[in-house]
N, C-alpha and C. Protein backbone atom coordinates (compact mmCIF):
# COMPACT_ATOMS: atom_id res chain seq x y z
N UNK A 1 76.14 114.60 78.42
CA UNK A 1 76.85 113.40 79.01
C UNK A 1 78.37 113.43 78.91
N UNK A 2 78.79 113.75 77.56
CA UNK A 2 80.05 114.07 77.06
C UNK A 2 80.91 114.65 78.28
N UNK A 3 80.27 115.91 78.88
CA UNK A 3 81.05 116.61 79.74
C UNK A 3 81.03 115.94 80.99
N UNK A 4 80.25 115.01 81.31
CA UNK A 4 80.24 114.43 82.36
C UNK A 4 81.21 113.29 82.56
N UNK A 5 81.31 112.64 81.21
CA UNK A 5 82.28 111.55 81.15
C UNK A 5 83.62 112.01 81.22
N UNK A 6 84.09 113.28 80.60
CA UNK A 6 85.25 113.77 80.70
C UNK A 6 85.81 114.28 82.07
N UNK A 7 84.67 114.77 82.77
CA UNK A 7 84.95 115.32 84.05
C UNK A 7 85.38 114.00 84.93
N UNK A 8 84.61 112.85 84.87
CA UNK A 8 84.73 111.61 85.59
C UNK A 8 86.44 111.01 85.09
N UNK A 9 86.69 111.13 83.67
CA UNK A 9 87.92 110.47 83.45
C UNK A 9 89.10 111.59 84.28
N UNK A 10 88.78 112.68 84.13
CA UNK A 10 89.83 113.70 84.78
C UNK A 10 89.95 113.40 86.26
N UNK A 11 88.74 113.27 86.99
CA UNK A 11 88.81 112.83 88.23
C UNK A 11 89.54 111.68 88.44
N UNK A 12 89.27 110.65 87.71
CA UNK A 12 89.95 109.39 87.86
C UNK A 12 91.49 109.35 87.68
N UNK A 13 91.69 110.21 86.76
CA UNK A 13 93.22 110.54 86.51
C UNK A 13 93.78 111.19 87.58
N UNK A 14 93.25 112.04 88.26
CA UNK A 14 93.96 112.67 89.25
C UNK A 14 94.12 111.66 90.47
N UNK A 15 93.01 110.78 90.76
CA UNK A 15 93.07 109.92 91.83
C UNK A 15 94.16 108.82 91.67
N UNK A 16 94.57 108.36 90.38
CA UNK A 16 95.45 107.38 90.08
C UNK A 16 96.66 108.34 90.29
N UNK A 17 97.00 109.34 89.99
CA UNK A 17 98.08 110.32 89.96
C UNK A 17 98.64 110.11 91.44
N UNK A 18 97.52 110.55 92.44
CA UNK A 18 97.84 110.60 93.81
C UNK A 18 98.13 109.17 94.47
N UNK A 19 97.63 108.15 93.98
CA UNK A 19 98.13 106.73 94.18
C UNK A 19 99.54 106.59 94.03
N UNK A 20 99.83 107.00 92.87
CA UNK A 20 101.06 106.66 91.96
C UNK A 20 102.10 107.49 93.04
N UNK A 21 101.86 108.79 93.34
CA UNK A 21 102.73 109.71 93.93
C UNK A 21 102.92 109.42 95.49
N UNK A 22 101.94 108.60 95.92
CA UNK A 22 101.99 107.83 97.26
C UNK A 22 103.16 106.95 97.22
N UNK A 23 102.96 106.22 96.25
CA UNK A 23 103.99 104.86 96.38
C UNK A 23 105.11 105.49 96.19
N UNK A 24 105.40 106.57 95.14
CA UNK A 24 106.88 106.86 95.05
C UNK A 24 107.58 107.49 96.26
N UNK A 25 106.49 108.32 97.05
CA UNK A 25 106.93 109.04 98.16
C UNK A 25 107.24 108.16 99.34
N UNK A 26 106.48 107.00 99.39
CA UNK A 26 106.69 106.02 100.58
C UNK A 26 107.99 105.29 100.15
N UNK A 27 108.43 104.99 98.77
CA UNK A 27 109.63 104.35 98.61
C UNK A 27 110.81 105.17 98.83
N UNK A 28 110.54 106.45 98.52
CA UNK A 28 111.70 107.49 98.78
C UNK A 28 111.99 107.67 100.25
N UNK A 29 110.82 107.73 101.12
CA UNK A 29 110.99 107.95 102.64
C UNK A 29 111.29 106.76 103.23
N UNK A 30 110.70 105.62 103.12
CA UNK A 30 110.75 104.46 103.90
C UNK A 30 112.09 103.71 103.63
N UNK A 31 112.54 103.83 102.34
CA UNK A 31 113.72 103.19 102.06
C UNK A 31 114.91 104.26 101.53
N UNK A 32 114.65 105.39 101.92
CA UNK A 32 116.00 106.42 101.73
C UNK A 32 116.49 106.20 100.37
N UNK A 33 115.46 106.38 99.38
CA UNK A 33 116.01 106.20 97.97
C UNK A 33 115.85 107.62 97.22
N UNK A 34 116.62 107.82 96.35
CA UNK A 34 116.66 109.06 95.59
C UNK A 34 115.52 108.71 94.53
N UNK A 35 114.96 110.02 94.04
CA UNK A 35 114.09 109.91 92.97
C UNK A 35 114.49 109.20 91.54
N UNK A 36 115.75 109.22 91.17
CA UNK A 36 116.18 108.47 90.21
C UNK A 36 116.18 107.01 90.51
N UNK A 37 116.47 106.45 91.53
CA UNK A 37 116.53 105.22 91.89
C UNK A 37 115.04 104.73 91.86
N UNK A 38 114.13 105.30 92.30
CA UNK A 38 112.75 105.00 92.35
C UNK A 38 112.42 104.95 90.76
N UNK A 39 112.73 105.72 90.18
CA UNK A 39 112.04 105.79 88.64
C UNK A 39 112.75 104.72 87.80
N UNK A 40 114.01 103.96 88.28
CA UNK A 40 114.62 102.93 87.67
C UNK A 40 113.81 101.48 88.14
N UNK A 41 113.03 101.33 89.04
CA UNK A 41 112.35 100.40 89.53
C UNK A 41 111.49 99.85 88.54
N UNK A 42 111.82 98.38 88.23
CA UNK A 42 110.91 97.72 87.11
C UNK A 42 109.93 96.91 87.90
N UNK A 43 108.82 96.18 87.08
CA UNK A 43 108.07 95.30 87.92
C UNK A 43 108.82 94.09 88.15
N UNK A 44 109.93 93.75 87.61
CA UNK A 44 110.49 92.49 87.92
C UNK A 44 111.42 92.67 89.30
N UNK A 45 111.77 94.21 89.48
CA UNK A 45 112.57 94.35 90.69
C UNK A 45 111.66 94.21 92.23
N UNK A 46 110.28 93.76 91.90
CA UNK A 46 109.56 93.71 92.91
C UNK A 46 109.39 92.00 93.23
N UNK A 47 109.86 91.54 94.46
CA UNK A 47 109.86 90.25 94.77
C UNK A 47 108.91 90.13 95.85
N UNK A 48 107.63 89.76 95.57
CA UNK A 48 106.62 89.61 96.63
C UNK A 48 106.83 88.53 97.58
N UNK A 49 107.22 87.33 96.93
CA UNK A 49 107.31 86.18 97.74
C UNK A 49 108.29 86.33 98.75
N UNK A 50 109.50 86.94 98.53
CA UNK A 50 110.74 87.32 99.62
C UNK A 50 110.34 88.67 100.16
N UNK A 51 109.41 89.25 99.85
CA UNK A 51 108.95 90.61 100.25
C UNK A 51 110.35 91.50 100.25
N UNK A 52 110.80 91.75 99.08
CA UNK A 52 111.98 92.80 99.10
C UNK A 52 111.94 93.28 97.64
N UNK A 53 112.91 94.13 97.41
CA UNK A 53 112.85 95.00 96.08
C UNK A 53 114.21 95.12 95.88
N UNK A 54 114.56 94.99 94.16
CA UNK A 54 115.94 95.39 94.17
C UNK A 54 116.09 96.76 93.88
N UNK A 55 116.85 97.30 94.38
CA UNK A 55 117.50 98.70 94.27
C UNK A 55 118.78 98.95 93.56
N UNK A 56 118.73 99.66 92.41
CA UNK A 56 119.88 100.17 91.62
C UNK A 56 120.47 101.14 92.38
N UNK A 57 121.73 101.12 92.65
CA UNK A 57 122.35 101.95 93.20
C UNK A 57 122.46 103.47 92.40
N UNK A 58 122.59 104.54 93.07
CA UNK A 58 122.76 105.66 92.59
C UNK A 58 124.28 105.98 92.01
N UNK A 59 125.11 105.22 92.52
CA UNK A 59 126.41 105.31 91.83
C UNK A 59 126.76 103.72 91.21
N UNK A 60 127.61 103.68 90.25
CA UNK A 60 127.63 102.34 89.56
C UNK A 60 128.36 101.32 90.23
N UNK A 61 127.59 100.60 90.86
CA UNK A 61 127.95 99.30 91.54
C UNK A 61 126.84 98.31 91.46
N UNK A 62 127.04 97.09 92.29
CA UNK A 62 126.05 95.94 92.18
C UNK A 62 124.72 96.40 92.73
N UNK A 63 123.57 95.99 92.26
CA UNK A 63 122.34 96.26 92.77
C UNK A 63 122.09 95.73 94.32
N UNK A 64 121.39 96.37 94.95
CA UNK A 64 121.21 95.89 96.36
C UNK A 64 119.83 95.40 96.59
N UNK A 65 119.45 94.83 97.74
CA UNK A 65 118.03 94.56 97.92
C UNK A 65 117.54 95.28 99.34
N UNK A 66 116.25 95.47 99.24
CA UNK A 66 115.59 96.40 100.43
C UNK A 66 114.49 95.39 100.89
N UNK A 67 114.36 95.06 102.20
CA UNK A 67 113.00 94.47 102.55
C UNK A 67 111.93 95.38 102.45
N UNK A 68 110.85 95.16 102.00
CA UNK A 68 109.65 95.93 101.80
C UNK A 68 108.95 95.97 103.13
N UNK A 69 108.97 97.18 103.62
CA UNK A 69 108.10 97.43 104.53
C UNK A 69 106.64 97.28 104.51
N UNK A 70 105.85 97.44 105.58
CA UNK A 70 104.29 97.07 105.26
C UNK A 70 103.75 98.25 104.61
N UNK A 71 104.11 99.39 105.21
CA UNK A 71 103.78 100.65 104.29
C UNK A 71 104.14 100.69 102.86
N UNK A 72 105.24 100.36 102.63
CA UNK A 72 105.52 100.19 100.97
C UNK A 72 104.90 99.12 100.42
N UNK A 73 104.77 98.08 101.02
CA UNK A 73 103.79 97.00 100.51
C UNK A 73 102.47 97.53 100.12
N UNK A 74 101.85 98.09 101.01
CA UNK A 74 100.50 98.63 101.03
C UNK A 74 100.48 99.63 99.66
N UNK A 75 101.50 100.68 99.70
CA UNK A 75 101.29 101.77 98.55
C UNK A 75 101.62 101.08 97.36
N UNK A 76 102.23 99.96 97.13
CA UNK A 76 102.78 99.55 95.74
C UNK A 76 101.42 98.77 95.38
N UNK A 77 100.86 97.80 96.55
CA UNK A 77 99.82 97.25 96.10
C UNK A 77 98.48 97.99 95.68
N UNK A 78 98.11 99.20 96.24
CA UNK A 78 97.36 100.09 95.75
C UNK A 78 97.67 100.56 94.58
N UNK A 79 98.82 101.14 94.16
CA UNK A 79 99.18 101.50 92.96
C UNK A 79 99.10 100.42 91.75
N UNK A 80 99.33 99.16 92.16
CA UNK A 80 99.64 98.43 91.02
C UNK A 80 97.98 97.85 90.80
N UNK A 81 97.02 98.02 91.61
CA UNK A 81 95.55 97.75 91.36
C UNK A 81 94.95 98.79 90.25
N UNK A 82 95.66 99.92 90.21
CA UNK A 82 95.04 101.12 89.46
C UNK A 82 96.13 101.20 88.22
N UNK A 83 97.13 100.72 88.21
CA UNK A 83 98.13 100.95 87.05
C UNK A 83 97.57 100.26 85.79
N UNK A 84 97.52 101.02 84.88
CA UNK A 84 97.09 100.49 83.54
C UNK A 84 98.02 99.40 82.93
N UNK A 85 97.39 98.30 82.27
CA UNK A 85 98.29 97.21 81.91
C UNK A 85 98.97 97.96 80.56
N UNK A 86 100.50 97.49 80.47
CA UNK A 86 101.29 98.47 79.55
C UNK A 86 102.40 97.53 79.53
N UNK A 87 102.96 97.53 78.20
CA UNK A 87 104.14 96.71 77.73
C UNK A 87 105.57 97.42 78.40
N UNK A 88 105.50 98.56 78.93
CA UNK A 88 106.61 99.26 79.60
C UNK A 88 106.94 98.31 81.00
N UNK A 89 108.09 98.08 81.09
CA UNK A 89 108.73 97.51 82.23
C UNK A 89 108.75 98.40 83.50
N UNK A 90 109.17 99.51 83.38
CA UNK A 90 109.04 100.46 84.46
C UNK A 90 107.78 100.41 85.43
N UNK A 91 108.11 100.45 86.69
CA UNK A 91 106.87 100.34 87.65
C UNK A 91 106.15 101.48 87.58
N UNK A 92 106.68 102.67 87.55
CA UNK A 92 105.92 104.06 87.46
C UNK A 92 105.78 104.53 86.06
N UNK A 93 104.42 104.72 85.63
CA UNK A 93 104.12 105.39 84.33
C UNK A 93 103.54 106.55 84.48
N UNK A 94 103.46 107.34 83.18
CA UNK A 94 102.99 108.48 83.18
C UNK A 94 101.57 108.29 83.01
N UNK A 95 100.83 109.25 82.79
CA UNK A 95 99.17 109.06 82.53
C UNK A 95 98.91 108.61 81.17
N UNK A 96 100.03 108.66 80.25
CA UNK A 96 99.86 108.07 78.84
C UNK A 96 100.14 106.59 78.99
N UNK A 97 100.49 105.95 79.95
CA UNK A 97 101.01 104.72 80.15
C UNK A 97 102.23 104.39 79.60
N UNK A 98 103.09 105.48 79.56
CA UNK A 98 104.36 105.23 78.99
C UNK A 98 105.46 105.80 80.09
N UNK A 99 106.75 105.37 80.02
CA UNK A 99 107.67 105.50 80.96
C UNK A 99 107.74 107.13 81.26
N UNK A 100 108.00 107.36 82.54
CA UNK A 100 107.72 108.61 83.18
C UNK A 100 109.00 109.28 82.73
N UNK A 101 108.68 110.42 82.04
CA UNK A 101 110.14 111.26 81.76
C UNK A 101 110.78 112.05 83.07
N UNK A 102 112.00 112.19 82.95
CA UNK A 102 112.72 112.73 84.09
C UNK A 102 111.95 114.15 84.44
N UNK A 103 111.51 114.93 83.62
CA UNK A 103 110.93 116.54 84.02
C UNK A 103 109.65 116.08 84.73
N UNK A 104 108.66 115.05 84.29
CA UNK A 104 107.66 114.89 85.04
C UNK A 104 107.88 114.24 86.33
N UNK A 105 109.03 113.44 86.43
CA UNK A 105 109.50 112.68 87.75
C UNK A 105 109.92 113.91 88.54
N UNK A 106 110.51 115.26 88.19
CA UNK A 106 110.99 116.10 88.77
C UNK A 106 109.52 116.73 89.29
N UNK A 107 108.93 117.19 88.41
CA UNK A 107 107.69 117.91 88.85
C UNK A 107 106.94 117.24 89.78
N UNK A 108 106.92 115.84 89.98
CA UNK A 108 106.19 115.14 90.96
C UNK A 108 106.97 115.29 92.22
N UNK A 109 108.11 115.31 92.35
CA UNK A 109 108.91 115.61 93.31
C UNK A 109 108.93 116.73 93.88
N UNK A 110 108.68 117.81 93.20
CA UNK A 110 108.70 119.20 93.69
C UNK A 110 107.24 119.32 94.40
N UNK A 111 106.20 118.67 93.78
CA UNK A 111 104.87 118.80 94.14
C UNK A 111 104.68 118.17 95.62
N UNK A 112 105.38 116.93 95.73
CA UNK A 112 105.37 116.21 96.74
C UNK A 112 106.10 116.89 97.89
N UNK A 113 107.28 117.69 97.86
CA UNK A 113 108.08 118.10 99.01
C UNK A 113 107.82 119.54 99.01
N UNK A 114 106.88 120.28 98.17
CA UNK A 114 106.58 121.54 98.41
C UNK A 114 105.62 121.99 99.53
């Protein structure tokens, strides 16, 4: 039973990672964002009511806003349904429910674009 439980947990973790990675990819492609910009997005940057997201620029200047496309809204909604509750403010978390390290983010980027 323990092996079955561990197998189920591993499978669930992989599915959650796929959903998270799809949301990251959707933000990058549909909104022409760099990975570091996506990793800086916090839960409070998402404005569901006005259907927009606050984007911190790659260079030091004022943050901008982007209208959330239907594809982005769907990808984010799917991710937020499976995102574990956490005190972390960053939108995208690692499997340990902590802020994603830059090395993990780069590994995800390489996996997505390879």
